[in-house]
C-alpha atoms as a PDB file:
ATOM      1  CA  MET A   1       0.284  -0.277  -0.247  1.00  0.00           C
ATOM      2  CA  SER A   2       1.472   3.265  -0.726  1.00  0.00           C
ATOM      3  CA  GLU A   3       2.415   5.837   1.247  1.00  0.00           C
ATOM      4  CA  LEU A   4       2.282   8.433  -0.968  1.00  0.00           C
ATOM      5  CA  LEU A   5       0.012  11.221  -0.554  1.00  0.00           C
ATOM      6  CA  SER A   6      -0.625  14.215  -3.209  1.00  0.00           C
ATOM      7  CA  ILE A   7      -0.301  17.778  -2.829  1.00  0.00           C
ATOM      8  CA  GLY A   8      -3.649  18.111  -1.956  1.00  0.00           C
ATOM      9  CA  ASP A   9      -3.944  15.484   0.318  1.00  0.00           C
ATOM     10  CA  PHE A  10      -0.887  16.836   1.770  1.00  0.00           C
ATOM     11  CA  ALA A  11      -2.272  20.064   2.002  1.00  0.00           C
ATOM     12  CA  ARG A  12      -5.545  19.041   3.958  1.00  0.00           C
ATOM     13  CA  ALA A  13      -3.335  16.585   6.324  1.00  0.00           C
ATOM     14  CA  THR A  14      -0.693  19.486   7.526  1.00  0.00           C
ATOM     15  CA  HIS A  15      -2.936  23.103   7.245  1.00  0.00           C
ATOM     16  CA  LEU A  16      -0.254  23.795   4.704  1.00  0.00           C
ATOM     17  CA  SER A  17      -1.908  25.450   1.192  1.00  0.00           C
ATOM     18  CA  VAL A  18      -0.685  23.861  -2.478  1.00  0.00           C
ATOM     19  CA  LYS A  19       0.748  27.664  -2.858  1.00  0.00           C
ATOM     20  CA  ALA A  20       2.930  27.783   0.043  1.00  0.00           C
ATOM     21  CA  LEU A  21       4.149  23.515  -0.709  1.00  0.00           C
ATOM     22  CA  ARG A  22       5.295  24.867  -3.721  1.00  0.00           C
ATOM     23  CA  HIS A  23       6.956  27.766  -2.459  1.00  0.00           C
ATOM     24  CA  TYR A  24       8.379  25.592   0.050  1.00  0.00           C
ATOM     25  CA  HIS A  25       9.901  23.129  -3.043  1.00  0.00           C
ATOM     26  CA  GLU A  26      10.992  25.825  -4.509  1.00  0.00           C
ATOM     27  CA  GLN A  27      13.034  27.226  -1.083  1.00  0.00           C
ATOM     28  CA  GLY A  28      14.809  23.859  -0.484  1.00  0.00           C
ATOM     29  CA  LEU A  29      12.374  23.787   1.956  1.00  0.00           C
ATOM     30  CA  LEU A  30       9.982  20.707   2.342  1.00  0.00           C
ATOM     31  CA  GLU A  31      10.682  18.649  -1.228  1.00  0.00           C
ATOM     32  CA  PRO A  32       8.147  16.207  -2.649  1.00  0.00           C
ATOM     33  CA  ALA A  33       9.062  12.609  -1.913  1.00  0.00           C
ATOM     34  CA  GLU A  34       8.764  12.535  -5.557  1.00  0.00           C
ATOM     35  CA  THR A  35       7.886  14.763  -8.481  1.00  0.00           C
ATOM     36  CA  ASP A  36       6.454  13.508 -11.811  1.00  0.00           C
ATOM     37  CA  GLU A  37       9.086  14.375 -14.724  1.00  0.00           C
ATOM     38  CA  ILE A  38       6.389  14.760 -16.885  1.00  0.00           C
ATOM     39  CA  SER A  39       3.156  15.934 -15.196  1.00  0.00           C
ATOM     40  CA  GLY A  40       5.403  18.206 -12.301  1.00  0.00           C
ATOM     41  CA  TYR A  41       3.317  16.791  -9.961  1.00  0.00           C
ATOM     42  CA  ARG A  42       4.295  16.404  -6.010  1.00  0.00           C
ATOM     43  CA  ARG A  43       4.096  13.210  -4.091  1.00  0.00           C
ATOM     44  CA  TYR A  44       4.468  13.471  -0.614  1.00  0.00           C
ATOM     45  CA  ASP A  45       5.511  10.679   1.962  1.00  0.00           C
ATOM     46  CA  LEU A  46       3.442  10.340   5.608  1.00  0.00           C
ATOM     47  CA  ALA A  47       6.765  10.909   7.333  1.00  0.00           C
ATOM     48  CA  GLN A  48       7.012  14.540   6.276  1.00  0.00           C
ATOM     49  CA  ILE A  49       4.126  15.278   7.861  1.00  0.00           C
ATOM     50  CA  PRO A  50       5.819  15.902  10.894  1.00  0.00           C
ATOM     51  CA  THR A  51       8.506  18.345   9.424  1.00  0.00           C
ATOM     52  CA  ALA A  52       5.758  19.731   7.396  1.00  0.00           C
ATOM     53  CA  GLN A  53       3.678  20.509  11.202  1.00  0.00           C
ATOM     54  CA  ILE A  54       7.361  22.214  12.640  1.00  0.00           C
ATOM     55  CA  ILE A  55       7.116  24.543   9.514  1.00  0.00           C
ATOM     56  CA  HIS A  56       3.865  25.757   9.948  1.00  0.00           C
ATOM     57  CA  ARG A  57       4.435  26.193  13.721  1.00  0.00           C
ATOM     58  CA  PHE A  58       7.758  28.412  13.443  1.00  0.00           C
ATOM     59  CA  ARG A  59       6.110  29.868  10.092  1.00  0.00           C
ATOM     60  CA  ASP A  60       2.942  30.648  12.782  1.00  0.00           C
ATOM     61  CA  LEU A  61       5.934  32.697  14.763  1.00  0.00           C
ATOM     62  CA  ASP A  62       7.282  34.605  11.795  1.00  0.00           C
ATOM     63  CA  MET A  63      10.160  32.538  11.708  1.00  0.00           C
ATOM     64  CA  PRO A  64      12.494  33.582   7.889  1.00  0.00           C
ATOM     65  CA  LEU A  65      12.335  30.511   5.522  1.00  0.00           C
ATOM     66  CA  ALA A  66      16.371  30.916   5.783  1.00  0.00           C
ATOM     67  CA  ASP A  67      16.290  30.535   9.601  1.00  0.00           C
ATOM     68  CA  ILE A  68      14.046  27.549   9.017  1.00  0.00           C
ATOM     69  CA  ARG A  69      15.801  25.718   7.029  1.00  0.00           C
ATOM     70  CA  GLU A  70      19.433  26.062   8.709  1.00  0.00           C
ATOM     71  CA  ILE A  71      16.911  24.275  11.968  1.00  0.00           C
ATOM     72  CA  LEU A  72      16.054  21.177   9.928  1.00  0.00           C
ATOM     73  CA  ARG A  73      19.399  20.965   8.337  1.00  0.00           C
ATOM     74  CA  THR A  74      21.532  21.029  11.450  1.00  0.00           C
ATOM     75  CA  PRO A  75      21.690  17.668  12.931  1.00  0.00           C
ATOM     76  CA  ASP A  76      22.958  18.992  16.857  1.00  0.00           C
ATOM     77  CA  PRO A  77      19.566  19.480  18.979  1.00  0.00           C
ATOM     78  CA  GLY A  78      22.160  22.171  20.712  1.00  0.00           C
ATOM     79  CA  ALA A  79      23.009  23.673  17.910  1.00  0.00           C
ATOM     80  CA  ARG A  80      18.992  23.538  16.066  1.00  0.00           C
ATOM     81  CA  ASN A  81      17.831  24.822  20.494  1.00  0.00           C
ATOM     82  CA  ALA A  82      20.418  27.670  20.372  1.00  0.00           C
ATOM     83  CA  LEU A  83      19.003  28.899  16.620  1.00  0.00           C
ATOM     84  CA  ILE A  84      15.608  28.600  18.142  1.00  0.00           C
ATOM     85  CA  ALA A  85      16.203  30.484  21.202  1.00  0.00           C
ATOM     86  CA  ARG A  86      17.772  33.051  18.842  1.00  0.00           C
ATOM     87  CA  HIS A  87      14.587  33.977  17.121  1.00  0.00           C
ATOM     88  CA  LEU A  88      12.352  33.639  20.780  1.00  0.00           C
ATOM     89  CA  ARG A  89      14.455  36.585  21.772  1.00  0.00           C
ATOM     90  CA  ARG A  90      13.870  38.338  18.298  1.00  0.00           C
ATOM     91  CA  LEU A  91       9.668  37.839  19.451  1.00  0.00           C
ATOM     92  CA  GLU A  92      10.442  38.810  22.890  1.00  0.00           C
ATOM     93  CA  ASP A  93      12.145  42.265  21.520  1.00  0.00           C
ATOM     94  CA  GLN A  94       9.084  42.634  19.141  1.00  0.00           C
ATOM     95  CA  LEU A  95       6.804  42.374  21.867  1.00  0.00           C
ATOM     96  CA  ALA A  96       8.247  44.530  24.019  1.00  0.00           C
ATOM     97  CA  ARG A  97       8.549  46.966  21.238  1.00  0.00           C
ATOM     98  CA  THR A  98       4.937  46.555  20.738  1.00  0.00           C
ATOM     99  CA  HIS A  99       3.697  46.966  24.491  1.00  0.00           C
ATOM    100  CA  ASP A 100       6.094  50.210  24.776  1.00  0.00           C
ATOM    101  CA  ALA A 101       4.089  51.528  21.441  1.00  0.00           C
ATOM    102  CA  VAL A 102       0.038  50.769  22.592  1.00  0.00           C
ATOM    103  CA  THR A 103       1.230  51.877  26.411  1.00  0.00           C
ATOM    104  CA  SER A 104       2.704  55.497  24.453  1.00  0.00           C
ATOM    105  CA  LEU A 105      -0.428  55.110  21.800  1.00  0.00           C
ATOM    106  CA  ARG A 106      -2.766  54.944  25.191  1.00  0.00           C
ATOM    107  CA  ASP A 107      -1.320  57.518  26.698  1.00  0.00           C
ATOM    108  CA  LEU A 108      -1.739  59.817  24.136  1.00  0.00           C
ATOM    109  CA  LEU A 109      -5.677  58.818  22.929  1.00  0.00           C
ATOM    110  CA  GLU A 110      -6.055  59.468  26.943  1.00  0.00           C
ATOM    111  CA  HIS A 111      -3.783  62.784  27.620  1.00  0.00           C
ATOM    112  CA  PRO A 112      -3.585  64.792  23.764  1.00  0.00           C
ATOM    113  CA  GLU A 113      -1.502  67.264  25.456  1.00  0.00           C
ATOM    114  CA  ALA A 114       1.333  66.357  27.119  1.00  0.00           C
ATOM    115  CA  ALA A 115       2.819  68.108  30.129  1.00  0.00           C
ATOM    116  CA  GLY A 116       5.917  69.026  30.367  1.00  0.00           C
ATOM    117  CA  ALA A 117       7.620  72.124  32.386  1.00  0.00           C
ATOM    118  CA  ILE A 118       9.982  73.676  29.974  1.00  0.00           C
ATOM    119  CA  THR A 119      13.540  75.660  30.835  1.00  0.00           C
ATOM    120  CA  HIS A 120      15.802  77.754  29.312  1.00  0.00           C
ATOM    121  CA  ARG A 121      19.507  76.708  29.264  1.00  0.00           C
ATOM    122  CA  ARG A 122      22.776  78.461  27.792  1.00  0.00           C
ATOM    123  CA  LEU A 123      25.495  76.136  26.969  1.00  0.00           C
ATOM    124  CA  PRO A 124      29.014  77.544  26.261  1.00  0.00           C
ATOM    125  CA  ALA A 125      31.798  76.678  24.246  1.00  0.00           C
ATOM    126  CA  ARG A 126      32.876  73.225  25.033  1.00  0.00           C
ATOM    127  CA  ARG A 127      35.465  70.835  24.292  1.00  0.00           C
ATOM    128  CA  VAL A 128      34.107  66.928  24.913  1.00  0.00           C
ATOM    129  CA  ALA A 129      35.293  63.323  24.064  1.00  0.00           C
ATOM    130  CA  ALA A 130      32.875  62.523  21.491  1.00  0.00           C
ATOM    131  CA  VAL A 131      31.858  60.134  18.779  1.00  0.00           C
ATOM    132  CA  THR A 132      30.722  61.195  15.411  1.00  0.00           C
ATOM    133  CA  ALA A 133      28.887  59.984  12.257  1.00  0.00           C
ATOM    134  CA  ASP A 134      28.944  62.222   9.267  1.00  0.00           C
ATOM    135  CA  ASP A 135      26.101  60.682   6.925  1.00  0.00           C
ATOM    136  CA  LEU A 136      23.960  58.477   9.895  1.00  0.00           C
ATOM    137  CA  PRO A 137      21.106  56.764   8.318  1.00  0.00           C
ATOM    138  CA  VAL A 138      18.191  57.774  10.550  1.00  0.00           C
ATOM    139  CA  ALA A 139      17.361  53.787  10.628  1.00  0.00           C
ATOM    140  CA  ASP A 140      20.440  53.121  12.398  1.00  0.00           C
ATOM    141  CA  ILE A 141      20.759  55.245  14.863  1.00  0.00           C
ATOM    142  CA  GLY A 142      19.303  53.835  18.052  1.00  0.00           C
ATOM    143  CA  ALA A 143      22.328  50.847  17.390  1.00  0.00           C
ATOM    144  CA  TRP A 144      24.357  54.022  16.667  1.00  0.00           C
ATOM    145  CA  TYR A 145      23.708  55.840  19.720  1.00  0.00           C
ATOM    146  CA  HIS A 146      23.950  52.223  21.810  1.00  0.00           C
ATOM    147  CA  GLY A 147      27.371  51.485  20.623  1.00  0.00           C
ATOM    148  CA  ALA A 148      29.277  54.915  20.059  1.00  0.00           C
ATOM    149  CA  LEU A 149      27.951  56.034  24.064  1.00  0.00           C
ATOM    150  CA  GLY A 150      28.933  52.681  25.191  1.00  0.00           C
ATOM    151  CA  GLU A 151      32.245  53.246  23.567  1.00  0.00           C
ATOM    152  CA  LEU A 152      32.860  56.511  24.982  1.00  0.00           C
ATOM    153  CA  PHE A 153      32.264  55.487  28.641  1.00  0.00           C
ATOM    154  CA  ALA A 154      34.138  52.159  27.803  1.00  0.00           C
ATOM    155  CA  THR A 155      37.542  54.560  26.351  1.00  0.00           C
ATOM    156  CA  LEU A 156      37.134  56.945  29.637  1.00  0.00           C
ATOM    157  CA  ALA A 157      36.829  54.094  31.828  1.00  0.00           C
ATOM    158  CA  SER A 158      39.908  52.684  30.844  1.00  0.00           C
ATOM    159  CA  GLN A 159      42.120  55.976  30.658  1.00  0.00           C
ATOM    160  CA  GLY A 160      40.898  56.576  34.272  1.00  0.00           C
ATOM    161  CA  LEU A 161      38.790  59.099  33.401  1.00  0.00           C
ATOM    162  CA  PRO A 162      35.124  60.348  35.429  1.00  0.00           C
ATOM    163  CA  PRO A 163      32.502  62.166  32.997  1.00  0.00           C
ATOM    164  CA  SER A 164      32.864  65.812  34.402  1.00  0.00           C
ATOM    165  CA  GLY A 165      28.855  66.221  33.158  1.00  0.00           C
ATOM    166  CA  PRO A 166      26.139  63.873  31.730  1.00  0.00           C
ATOM    167  CA  ALA A 167      26.636  62.820  28.403  1.00  0.00           C
ATOM    168  CA  GLY A 168      25.051  64.829  25.455  1.00  0.00           C
ATOM    169  CA  GLY A 169      23.847  64.529  21.728  1.00  0.00           C
ATOM    170  CA  VAL A 170      23.868  67.150  18.470  1.00  0.00           C
ATOM    171  CA  TYR A 171      21.930  65.825  15.622  1.00  0.00           C
ATOM    172  CA  ASP A 172      21.465  68.151  12.789  1.00  0.00           C
ATOM    173  CA  ASP A 173      18.315  68.815  10.901  1.00  0.00           C
ATOM    174  CA  ALA A 174      18.598  66.840   7.832  1.00  0.00           C
ATOM    175  CA  LEU A 175      18.390  63.743  10.549  1.00  0.00           C
ATOM    176  CA  PHE A 176      14.325  65.048  10.504  1.00  0.00           C
ATOM    177  CA  THR A 177      14.237  66.687   7.205  1.00  0.00           C
ATOM    178  CA  LEU A 178      16.400  63.857   5.212  1.00  0.00           C
ATOM    179  CA  GLU A 179      16.424  60.472   7.093  1.00  0.00           C
ATOM    180  CA  HIS A 180      20.290  60.739   7.080  1.00  0.00           C
ATOM    181  CA  GLY A 181      22.929  63.308   8.666  1.00  0.00           C
ATOM    182  CA  ARG A 182      25.269  64.234  10.913  1.00  0.00           C
ATOM    183  CA  ALA A 183      25.110  62.764  14.834  1.00  0.00           C
ATOM    184  CA  THR A 184      27.383  63.666  17.663  1.00  0.00           C
ATOM    185  CA  VAL A 185      27.140  61.586  20.982  1.00  0.00           C
ATOM    186  CA  TYR A 186      29.711  63.157  23.888  1.00  0.00           C
ATOM    187  CA  VAL A 187      30.944  62.929  27.177  1.00  0.00           C
ATOM    188  CA  PRO A 188      31.885  65.774  29.244  1.00  0.00           C
ATOM    189  CA  VAL A 189      35.862  65.441  30.675  1.00  0.00           C
ATOM    190  CA  ALA A 190      38.367  67.728  33.093  1.00  0.00           C
ATOM    191  CA  THR A 191      41.059  65.820  31.220  1.00  0.00           C
ATOM    192  CA  GLU A 192      41.428  64.632  27.492  1.00  0.00           C
ATOM    193  CA  PRO A 193      41.657  61.291  26.623  1.00  0.00           C
ATOM    194  CA  ARG A 194      43.814  59.933  24.534  1.00  0.00           C
ATOM    195  CA  ALA A 195      42.329  59.192  20.735  1.00  0.00           C
ATOM    196  CA  ALA A 196      41.212  55.611  20.449  1.00  0.00           C
ATOM    197  CA  GLY A 197      38.869  53.840  18.043  1.00  0.00           C
ATOM    198  CA  ARG A 198      36.351  56.508  17.242  1.00  0.00           C
ATOM    199  CA  VAL A 199      36.717  58.510  20.444  1.00  0.00           C
ATOM    200  CA  ARG A 200      38.350  62.106  19.824  1.00  0.00           C
ATOM    201  CA  MET A 201      38.113  65.151  21.414  1.00  0.00           C
ATOM    202  CA  THR A 202      35.364  68.156  19.642  1.00  0.00           C
ATOM    203  CA  GLU A 203      34.399  71.661  20.265  1.00  0.00           C
ATOM    204  CA  LEU A 204      30.856  72.404  20.539  1.00  0.00           C
ATOM    205  CA  PRO A 205      29.520  76.085  19.360  1.00  0.00           C
ATOM    206  CA  PRO A 206      27.305  78.066  22.862  1.00  0.00           C
ATOM    207  CA  ALA A 207      24.132  77.634  21.680  1.00  0.00           C
ATOM    208  CA  GLU A 208      20.750  78.653  24.032  1.00  0.00           C
ATOM    209  CA  LEU A 209      18.415  76.333  24.197  1.00  0.00           C
ATOM    210  CA  ALA A 210      14.412  75.584  25.126  1.00  0.00           C
ATOM    211  CA  VAL A 211      14.819  72.312  27.169  1.00  0.00           C
ATOM    212  CA  ILE A 212      12.155  69.429  27.906  1.00  0.00           C
ATOM    213  CA  THR A 213      12.730  66.600  30.283  1.00  0.00           C
ATOM    214  CA  HIS A 214      11.337  63.221  28.669  1.00  0.00           C
ATOM    215  CA  GLU A 215      11.496  60.343  31.124  1.00  0.00           C
ATOM    216  CA  GLY A 216      11.094  56.564  30.507  1.00  0.00           C
ATOM    217  CA  PRO A 217      12.359  55.180  27.125  1.00  0.00           C
ATOM    218  CA  GLU A 218      12.770  56.318  23.920  1.00  0.00           C
ATOM    219  CA  THR A 219       9.151  55.500  22.745  1.00  0.00           C
ATOM    220  CA  GLY A 220       6.878  58.158  23.273  1.00  0.00           C
ATOM    221  CA  ILE A 221       9.639  60.736  23.158  1.00  0.00           C
ATOM    222  CA  ASP A 222       8.015  62.697  20.028  1.00  0.00           C
ATOM    223  CA  ARG A 223       5.432  64.027  21.826  1.00  0.00           C
ATOM    224  CA  ALA A 224       8.449  65.871  24.326  1.00  0.00           C
ATOM    225  CA  TYR A 225       8.992  66.999  21.128  1.00  0.00           C
ATOM    226  CA  GLY A 226       5.912  67.978  20.259  1.00  0.00           C
ATOM    227  CA  THR A 227       5.336  69.614  22.946  1.00  0.00           C
ATOM    228  CA  LEU A 228       8.734  71.538  22.896  1.00  0.00           C
ATOM    229  CA  ALA A 229       7.934  73.192  19.088  1.00  0.00           C
ATOM    230  CA  THR A 230       4.717  73.953  20.257  1.00  0.00           C
ATOM    231  CA  TYR A 231       6.306  76.098  23.049  1.00  0.00           C
ATOM    232  CA  VAL A 232       8.848  77.808  21.249  1.00  0.00           C
ATOM    233  CA  THR A 233       6.484  78.266  18.390  1.00  0.00           C
ATOM    234  CA  ARG A 234       4.664  80.318  21.004  1.00  0.00           C
ATOM    235  CA  HIS A 235       7.098  81.640  23.488  1.00  0.00           C
ATOM    236  CA  ALA A 236      10.226  82.146  20.881  1.00  0.00           C
ATOM    237  CA  LEU A 237      11.973  82.592  17.511  1.00  0.00           C
ATOM    238  CA  ALA A 238      13.358  79.198  16.902  1.00  0.00           C
ATOM    239  CA  VAL A 239      16.785  79.656  15.020  1.00  0.00           C
ATOM    240  CA  ALA A 240      18.818  78.003  12.933  1.00  0.00           C
ATOM    241  CA  GLY A 241      21.217  75.068  14.261  1.00  0.00           C
ATOM    242  CA  PRO A 242      20.661  71.117  15.270  1.00  0.00           C
ATOM    243  CA  ILE A 243      18.786  69.821  17.948  1.00  0.00           C
ATOM    244  CA  HIS A 244      20.914  68.381  21.656  1.00  0.00           C
ATOM    245  CA  GLU A 245      19.785  66.307  23.975  1.00  0.00           C
ATOM    246  CA  PHE A 246      21.360  65.485  27.287  1.00  0.00           C
ATOM    247  CA  TYR A 247      21.035  61.970  29.025  1.00  0.00           C
ATOM    248  CA  PRO A 248      21.671  62.530  32.658  1.00  0.00           C
ATOM    249  CA  VAL A 249      20.407  58.521  33.096  1.00  0.00           C
ATOM    250  CA  THR A 250      21.082  56.467  30.411  1.00  0.00           C
ATOM    251  CA  PHE A 251      21.353  52.993  29.728  1.00  0.00           C
ATOM    252  CA  HIS A 252      25.002  53.300  31.269  1.00  0.00           C
ATOM    253  CA  ASP A 253      23.500  53.841  35.017  1.00  0.00           C
ATOM    254  CA  THR A 254      20.541  51.620  34.728  1.00  0.00           C
ATOM    255  CA  PRO A 255      19.268  48.460  32.278  1.00  0.00           C
ATOM    256  CA  ASP A 256      15.716  49.762  33.502  1.00  0.00           C
ATOM    257  CA  PRO A 257      14.295  51.881  30.600  1.00  0.00           C
ATOM    258  CA  SER A 258      11.815  53.554  32.970  1.00  0.00           C
ATOM    259  CA  HIS A 259      14.486  55.458  34.419  1.00  0.00           C
ATOM    260  CA  TRP A 260      16.044  56.708  32.160  1.00  0.00           C
ATOM    261  CA  ARG A 261      15.584  60.338  31.831  1.00  0.00           C
ATOM    262  CA  THR A 262      16.517  62.412  28.514  1.00  0.00           C
ATOM    263  CA  GLU A 263      16.397  66.381  28.373  1.00  0.00           C
ATOM    264  CA  ILE A 264      15.792  67.799  24.709  1.00  0.00           C
ATOM    265  CA  GLY A 265      16.939  71.234  23.876  1.00  0.00           C
ATOM    266  CA  TRP A 266      15.779  73.276  20.678  1.00  0.00           C
ATOM    267  CA  PRO A 267      17.724  76.015  19.825  1.00  0.00           C
ATOM    268  CA  VAL A 268      15.802  79.067  20.226  1.00  0.00           C
ATOM    269  CA  PHE A 269      16.770  83.057  20.374  1.00  0.00           C
ATOM    270  CA  THR A 270      14.442  83.926  23.719  1.00  0.00           C
ATOM    271  CA  THR A 271      12.032  86.845  23.094  1.00  0.00           C
ATOM    272  CA  THR A 272       9.459  85.953  26.566  1.00  0.00           C
ATOM    273  CA  ALA A 273      10.460  85.213  29.707  1.00  0.00           C
ATOM    274  CA  PRO A 274       9.574  81.190  30.145  1.00  0.00           C
ATOM    275  CA  ALA A 275       5.546  81.122  31.077  1.00  0.00           C
END
């Protein structure tokens, strides 16, 4: 008695569509036991049902086909488990981002007018230890920020130089308007460090800023930007210049994003006293 199924019967048995089975065959993920050379009809072995079910489960978890292929072809159970764990970590990260976005959206709907005290801050010219990217895609800014700031703290620590103030960043308008541009993150120091890796001493020009504080992770920081823009429009004349950010509490201080604190500075020429 034949243990081969037509592609239609195999689709019914595995809840994978005929279209999906053909695609998985083309991708080398699930090859039929037989393929008729003349008609091209595919036939599957009963023993392939568990493999198809595994593929179905992984696809329900949005695992890329390349990862599924690698898992199915890896004979070592430890290596397979590592590949699966890697994808589960991606799912957990995605779930955390989704949770943050939902929380931010709910807060926006319930409190459309974001509150936040705004102050003015005048900065003198400063020399700081910095890492600069001349043409950074905005899509890469999060990973670049964490890597650059981590490198700054590590370089200063290796040379025994404590920061003399909170870290900060300077971001050109092009990052917001053209989605790529110049970005600098820095740490103030009393003693100049030796150049190492990407870390260089950099001169920052003086600036006058309207400043608002954002508490918590990066999610929702756009609301603080919006509130600050509203204030600048109503109380001051915006002037040309980059956006400044200051990081009194970062991932370097605590792994808990709810404790992070970011101060955003918008360049202004003051025309009225702060409200």
